[in-house]
Amino acid sequence: MSRPARAGAPADWRDGLPPGRDGYSFAFLDAGAKREIRRRILKAVAIPGCQVPFGSREMPIARGWGTGGLQLTLALIGPEDVLKVIDQGADDSVNAVSIRRFVQRVTGVRTTTDTPAATLIQTRHRIPEEPLRPHQILVFQVPIPEPLRLVEPSEKETRRMHAEADYSRMWLYLYEDIVTYGEITIGARYPVLVNRRHLMDPSPIPRWDVERLDRNPALMLFCAGREKRIYALPPHTLVEPLQFEDVPFRVESFAGRRCRRCGSARSFLDEAIDEATGRRSYACSDAAFCEKVRKAGGRTAPEPEEGGP
């Protein structure tokens, strides 16, 4: 999967890639690590939703802070790519800024906050509000890749359950949730079935984003560095949330609420509570989308507020 050297390329290119910065190879990882990760990605793409083990490397950030997603990004990124990194929808959080600066430092690639302009997007727990395109790759940081961990602590047993497509315990867990609370209470990490075969953990994205996994035109890759697992959703893959005929899957409702910044009523909203007054306000989780709507003059309502509980 090496890239061919371009005409007029510097004489010190190796494997079709330019030299890295500060003494590092291009994109920090050595060529062997990149090849191993790419092979695992190919297998994950060939079997959508199936977890593929890989040799997770030590990274210059702590495990649990996006080492898996970072390794995929570094293994795939090239000199012509444009990178976007988001954390819960924000481009300016500590985690997003740190990862973006590191990748830019060891590759020299261009970065952006504009979703359509990016070719490679690394995300923590959100899918951008703007529709993704076929040429884009979305890389998810995943803390816990195993959806059956809710019902089975043994890794050996969960491997058997996946091999036999034995997901009865998960269905029972959802049924007991309905009996106890009248509805399925799982918020983030809602389990989905891929191609009607593999049960998959979509990472801790909200329910709002789960339906947007279905038949998405972009390639979606998931990686847990601590758990050493990679899995994938190729473009246009069938993804269905687990649901019962009489208790259908539903997303978060923001009926009657708008973003206080841009006035949007069609995006996922974060709630903020004023500690002094107890009043609530809402803002778009996707900060770049919110800013774009504001610049386009999309604000149609004043800052909405609700009384405290």
Protein backbone atom coordinates (compact mmCIF):
# COMPACT_ATOMS: atom_id res chain seq x y z
CA MET A 1 0.00 0.00 0.00
CA SER A 2 2.98 2.28 -0.49
CA ARG A 3 2.39 5.45 -2.44
CA PRO A 4 4.30 6.02 -5.71
CA ALA A 5 6.79 8.86 -5.66
CA ARG A 6 5.56 11.94 -7.47
CA ALA A 7 7.47 13.71 -10.23
CA GLY A 8 9.80 16.30 -8.76
CA ALA A 9 9.67 14.71 -5.30
CA PRO A 10 12.59 15.31 -2.90
CA ALA A 11 15.47 12.87 -3.29
CA ASP A 12 15.17 11.65 0.32
CA TRP A 13 11.66 10.22 -0.01
CA ARG A 14 11.30 6.65 1.22
CA ASP A 15 8.45 4.34 0.23
CA GLY A 16 6.82 7.19 -1.67
CA LEU A 17 6.46 9.35 1.44
CA PRO A 18 8.34 12.51 2.42
CA PRO A 19 10.67 12.56 5.43
CA GLY A 20 9.08 13.31 8.78
CA ARG A 21 9.92 16.14 11.12
CA ASP A 22 12.16 16.26 14.19
CA GLY A 23 13.87 13.01 13.19
CA TYR A 24 10.66 10.96 12.92
CA SER A 25 9.61 8.93 9.88
CA PHE A 26 6.61 10.28 8.01
CA ALA A 27 3.52 9.98 10.24
CA PHE A 28 5.60 8.78 13.23
CA LEU A 29 4.95 5.03 12.81
CA ASP A 30 7.56 2.87 11.13
CA ALA A 31 6.78 1.24 7.78
CA GLY A 32 6.26 -2.21 9.33
CA ALA A 33 3.67 -0.92 11.79
CA LYS A 34 1.79 0.87 9.02
CA ARG A 35 1.71 -2.23 6.82
CA GLU A 36 0.41 -4.38 9.68
CA ILE A 37 -2.36 -1.90 10.53
CA ARG A 38 -3.37 -1.54 6.87
CA ARG A 39 -3.63 -5.32 6.48
CA ARG A 40 -5.89 -5.48 9.53
CA ILE A 41 -7.99 -2.66 8.10
CA LEU A 42 -8.43 -4.60 4.84
CA LYS A 43 -9.63 -7.65 6.77
CA ALA A 44 -12.01 -5.50 8.83
CA VAL A 45 -13.43 -3.96 5.65
CA ALA A 46 -13.88 -7.42 4.13
CA ILE A 47 -15.92 -8.58 7.17
CA PRO A 48 -17.99 -5.52 8.21
CA GLY A 49 -18.57 -5.23 11.94
CA CYS A 50 -16.17 -8.03 12.87
CA GLN A 51 -13.42 -7.16 15.36
CA VAL A 52 -9.91 -7.80 14.05
CA PRO A 53 -6.97 -7.94 16.53
CA PHE A 54 -3.82 -5.93 15.78
CA GLY A 55 -0.51 -5.12 17.42
CA SER A 56 -1.30 -1.83 19.13
CA ARG A 57 1.82 0.33 19.48
CA GLU A 58 2.88 2.65 22.25
CA MET A 59 1.98 6.22 21.34
CA PRO A 60 3.03 9.60 22.76
CA ILE A 61 -0.37 9.90 24.45
CA ALA A 62 -1.85 7.81 27.23
CA ARG A 63 -4.04 4.82 26.42
CA GLY A 64 -7.67 5.82 26.68
CA TRP A 65 -7.05 9.19 25.03
CA GLY A 66 -7.39 8.06 21.43
CA THR A 67 -4.33 5.89 20.77
CA GLY A 68 -6.32 3.49 18.57
CA GLY A 69 -7.82 6.16 16.36
CA LEU A 70 -4.47 7.93 16.17
CA GLN A 71 -2.73 4.77 14.93
CA LEU A 72 -5.27 4.35 12.13
CA THR A 73 -4.92 7.99 11.16
CA LEU A 74 -1.12 7.77 11.06
CA ALA A 75 -1.20 4.52 9.07
CA LEU A 76 -3.55 5.95 6.43
CA ILE A 77 -2.63 9.61 6.10
CA GLY A 78 -0.62 10.82 3.10
CA PRO A 79 0.93 14.15 2.03
CA GLU A 80 -2.14 15.12 -0.01
CA ASP A 81 -4.68 14.50 2.77
CA VAL A 82 -6.55 17.19 4.68
CA LEU A 83 -7.12 16.33 8.35
CA LYS A 84 -9.95 17.23 10.70
CA VAL A 85 -10.05 16.11 14.37
CA ILE A 86 -13.11 16.51 16.59
CA ASP A 87 -13.92 15.64 20.19
CA GLN A 88 -17.64 15.43 21.03
CA GLY A 89 -18.20 17.59 17.96
CA ALA A 90 -15.71 20.31 18.95
CA ASP A 91 -12.53 21.12 17.02
CA ASP A 92 -11.02 23.15 19.86
CA SER A 93 -11.12 20.73 22.80
CA VAL A 94 -7.84 19.70 24.44
CA ASN A 95 -7.96 16.18 23.01
CA ALA A 96 -8.78 17.31 19.48
CA VAL A 97 -6.17 20.08 19.44
CA SER A 98 -3.42 17.85 20.85
CA ILE A 99 -4.01 15.07 18.30
CA ARG A 100 -4.33 17.51 15.40
CA ARG A 101 -1.10 19.30 16.30
CA PHE A 102 0.79 16.03 16.71
CA VAL A 103 -0.32 14.63 13.35
CA GLN A 104 0.40 17.93 11.63
CA ARG A 105 3.85 18.04 13.21
CA VAL A 106 4.90 14.57 12.04
CA THR A 107 3.32 14.81 8.58
CA GLY A 108 3.07 18.45 7.58
CA VAL A 109 -0.40 17.87 6.12
CA ARG A 110 -3.04 20.57 5.95
CA THR A 111 -5.70 20.68 8.66
CA THR A 112 -9.21 22.07 8.59
CA THR A 113 -12.35 22.51 10.67
CA ASP A 114 -14.60 22.32 7.58
CA THR A 115 -16.11 18.83 7.27
CA PRO A 116 -16.57 18.77 3.45
CA ALA A 117 -12.96 19.94 2.94
CA ALA A 118 -11.44 17.07 4.97
CA THR A 119 -10.37 13.78 3.44
CA LEU A 120 -9.57 12.14 6.79
CA ILE A 121 -11.59 12.85 9.95
CA GLN A 122 -10.70 11.47 13.37
CA THR A 123 -13.55 11.69 15.83
CA ARG A 124 -14.35 11.00 19.44
CA HIS A 125 -17.99 10.10 20.03
CA ARG A 126 -19.72 12.11 17.26
CA ILE A 127 -20.43 11.99 13.54
CA PRO A 128 -20.27 15.43 11.90
CA GLU A 129 -23.65 16.98 11.19
CA GLU A 130 -22.82 17.71 7.55
CA PRO A 131 -23.23 14.66 5.26
CA LEU A 132 -20.04 12.74 4.56
CA ARG A 133 -18.85 12.06 1.02
CA PRO A 134 -17.53 8.93 -0.74
CA HIS A 135 -13.90 10.13 -0.77
CA GLN A 136 -13.81 10.66 3.01
CA ILE A 137 -12.63 8.34 5.81
CA LEU A 138 -14.05 8.70 9.32
CA VAL A 139 -11.86 7.22 12.08
CA PHE A 140 -13.51 6.59 15.47
CA GLN A 141 -11.71 6.51 18.80
CA VAL A 142 -13.23 3.56 20.68
CA PRO A 143 -12.84 2.90 24.43
CA ILE A 144 -14.66 -0.47 24.56
CA PRO A 145 -15.11 -2.32 21.24
CA GLU A 146 -17.03 -5.33 22.59
CA PRO A 147 -20.84 -4.79 22.55
CA LEU A 148 -21.43 -8.02 24.49
CA ARG A 149 -19.44 -6.75 27.47
CA LEU A 150 -22.76 -5.60 28.93
CA VAL A 151 -23.89 -9.22 29.27
CA GLU A 152 -20.71 -11.33 29.26
CA PRO A 153 -17.36 -10.51 30.95
CA SER A 154 -15.41 -13.41 29.39
CA GLU A 155 -13.52 -12.57 26.18
CA LYS A 156 -13.42 -16.24 25.21
CA GLU A 157 -17.19 -16.52 25.55
CA THR A 158 -17.90 -13.32 23.57
CA ARG A 159 -15.68 -14.66 20.74
CA ARG A 160 -17.82 -17.83 20.66
CA MET A 161 -21.05 -15.82 20.71
CA HIS A 162 -19.94 -13.72 17.75
CA ALA A 163 -18.82 -16.81 15.80
CA GLU A 164 -22.21 -18.45 16.30
CA ALA A 165 -24.19 -15.19 16.02
CA ASP A 166 -25.58 -16.02 19.43
CA TYR A 167 -26.93 -12.67 20.59
CA SER A 168 -29.83 -13.95 22.69
CA ARG A 169 -28.37 -12.52 25.92
CA MET A 170 -28.26 -9.04 24.42
CA TRP A 171 -31.88 -9.31 23.32
CA LEU A 172 -32.78 -10.49 26.84
CA TYR A 173 -30.88 -7.52 28.33
CA LEU A 174 -32.89 -5.10 26.17
CA TYR A 175 -36.16 -6.87 27.05
CA GLU A 176 -35.43 -6.67 30.78
CA ASP A 177 -34.68 -2.97 30.34
CA ILE A 178 -38.12 -2.45 28.83
CA VAL A 179 -39.84 -4.48 31.56
CA THR A 180 -38.05 -2.49 34.28
CA TYR A 181 -38.15 1.04 32.86
CA GLY A 182 -40.74 0.90 30.07
CA GLU A 183 -38.12 1.62 27.41
CA ILE A 184 -34.55 0.80 26.40
CA THR A 185 -32.37 3.08 28.50
CA ILE A 186 -29.07 2.64 26.62
CA GLY A 187 -27.95 6.08 25.42
CA ALA A 188 -24.46 6.03 23.97
CA ARG A 189 -22.97 2.79 22.60
CA TYR A 190 -26.35 1.56 21.38
CA PRO A 191 -25.74 -1.92 19.86
CA VAL A 192 -26.24 -2.30 16.11
CA LEU A 193 -26.38 -5.26 13.74
CA VAL A 194 -24.16 -5.00 10.65
CA ASN A 195 -25.31 -6.71 7.43
CA ARG A 196 -27.74 -8.71 9.60
CA ARG A 197 -24.76 -10.71 10.89
CA HIS A 198 -22.31 -9.08 13.33
CA LEU A 199 -23.30 -7.25 16.49
CA MET A 200 -21.20 -4.08 16.73
CA ASP A 201 -20.45 -1.35 19.25
CA PRO A 202 -20.66 2.00 17.38
CA SER A 203 -18.45 3.72 20.00
CA PRO A 204 -20.11 6.06 22.54
CA ILE A 205 -21.92 8.12 19.91
CA PRO A 206 -25.42 9.33 20.86
CA ARG A 207 -28.48 7.63 19.42
CA TRP A 208 -28.83 10.67 17.16
CA ASP A 209 -25.82 9.42 15.17
CA VAL A 210 -26.65 5.71 15.10
CA GLU A 211 -29.07 5.90 12.17
CA ARG A 212 -26.48 7.90 10.21
CA LEU A 213 -24.21 4.86 10.17
CA ASP A 214 -26.65 3.06 7.89
CA ARG A 215 -25.53 3.02 4.23
CA ASN A 216 -23.22 5.97 4.79
CA PRO A 217 -21.15 6.74 1.64
CA ALA A 218 -17.93 7.27 3.63
CA LEU A 219 -15.60 4.55 4.88
CA MET A 220 -15.88 4.30 8.68
CA LEU A 221 -13.09 2.75 10.72
CA PHE A 222 -13.13 1.99 14.45
CA CYS A 223 -10.11 1.28 16.63
CA ALA A 224 -9.53 0.60 20.31
CA GLY A 225 -5.83 0.94 21.12
CA ARG A 226 -6.09 -0.38 24.66
CA GLU A 227 -8.20 -3.38 23.59
CA LYS A 228 -6.15 -3.89 20.38
CA ARG A 229 -9.16 -4.20 18.08
CA ILE A 230 -10.05 -2.75 14.66
CA TYR A 231 -13.42 -3.01 12.91
CA ALA A 232 -15.00 -1.23 9.96
CA LEU A 233 -18.11 -0.18 8.08
CA PRO A 234 -17.46 -0.03 4.33
CA PRO A 235 -19.47 2.52 2.32
CA HIS A 236 -23.20 1.76 1.92
CA THR A 237 -23.21 -1.00 4.55
CA LEU A 238 -26.52 -1.99 6.13
CA VAL A 239 -26.50 -1.00 9.83
CA GLU A 240 -29.59 -1.59 11.99
CA PRO A 241 -30.04 -0.71 15.67
CA LEU A 242 -31.45 -3.54 17.77
CA GLN A 243 -35.17 -2.98 18.32
CA PHE A 244 -38.43 -4.80 18.91
CA GLU A 245 -41.47 -4.56 16.67
CA ASP A 246 -43.57 -3.05 19.46
CA VAL A 247 -40.73 -0.94 20.93
CA PRO A 248 -38.99 0.72 17.97
CA PHE A 249 -35.63 2.45 18.20
CA ARG A 250 -35.86 6.20 18.76
CA VAL A 251 -33.31 8.99 18.88
CA GLU A 252 -32.99 11.88 21.31
CA SER A 253 -35.76 14.45 20.90
CA PHE A 254 -35.06 18.19 20.80
CA ALA A 255 -38.58 19.21 19.91
CA GLY A 256 -39.17 22.91 20.56
CA ARG A 257 -35.48 23.59 21.24
CA ARG A 258 -32.96 25.48 19.16
CA CYS A 259 -29.26 26.25 19.33
CA ARG A 260 -28.70 29.49 21.23
CA ARG A 261 -25.89 30.45 18.83
CA CYS A 262 -27.18 29.68 15.35
CA GLY A 263 -30.86 28.91 15.89
CA SER A 264 -30.62 25.45 14.31
CA ALA A 265 -33.36 22.97 15.20
CA ARG A 266 -31.95 20.12 13.10
CA SER A 267 -28.72 19.24 14.90
CA PHE A 268 -27.71 17.36 18.04
CA LEU A 269 -27.79 19.82 20.96
CA ASP A 270 -25.76 19.95 24.16
CA GLU A 271 -27.54 21.18 27.27
CA ALA A 272 -26.01 23.79 29.56
CA ILE A 273 -27.43 24.80 32.95
CA ASP A 274 -26.68 28.16 34.53
CA GLU A 275 -25.68 27.37 38.11
CA ALA A 276 -26.80 30.78 39.34
CA THR A 277 -30.27 30.83 37.79
CA GLY A 278 -30.91 27.16 37.06
CA ARG A 279 -32.00 28.06 33.54
CA ARG A 280 -31.18 25.76 30.64
CA SER A 281 -29.88 26.61 27.21
CA TYR A 282 -28.84 24.52 24.23
CA ALA A 283 -26.04 24.68 21.67
CA CYS A 284 -24.98 22.59 18.67
CA SER A 285 -22.57 19.82 19.60
CA ASP A 286 -20.90 20.17 16.19
CA ALA A 287 -19.13 23.52 16.61
CA ALA A 288 -17.97 23.80 12.98
CA PHE A 289 -21.49 23.17 11.69
CA CYS A 290 -22.86 25.75 14.12
CA GLU A 291 -20.36 28.38 12.98
CA LYS A 292 -21.15 27.71 9.33
CA VAL A 293 -24.90 28.15 9.94
CA ARG A 294 -24.21 31.42 11.79
CA LYS A 295 -22.08 32.79 8.96
CA ALA A 296 -24.77 31.82 6.46
CA GLY A 297 -27.28 33.86 8.44
CA GLY A 298 -29.20 30.79 9.49
CA ARG A 299 -30.07 32.08 12.93
CA THR A 300 -33.84 32.34 13.12
CA ALA A 301 -34.56 32.64 16.81
CA PRO A 302 -33.20 34.37 19.88
CA GLU A 303 -31.32 32.37 22.50
CA PRO A 304 -33.90 29.92 23.88
CA GLU A 305 -34.01 29.27 27.58
CA GLU A 306 -36.12 27.07 29.75
CA GLY A 307 -36.91 27.28 33.38
CA GLY A 308 -35.02 25.10 35.82
CA PRO A 309 -36.43 21.76 36.91
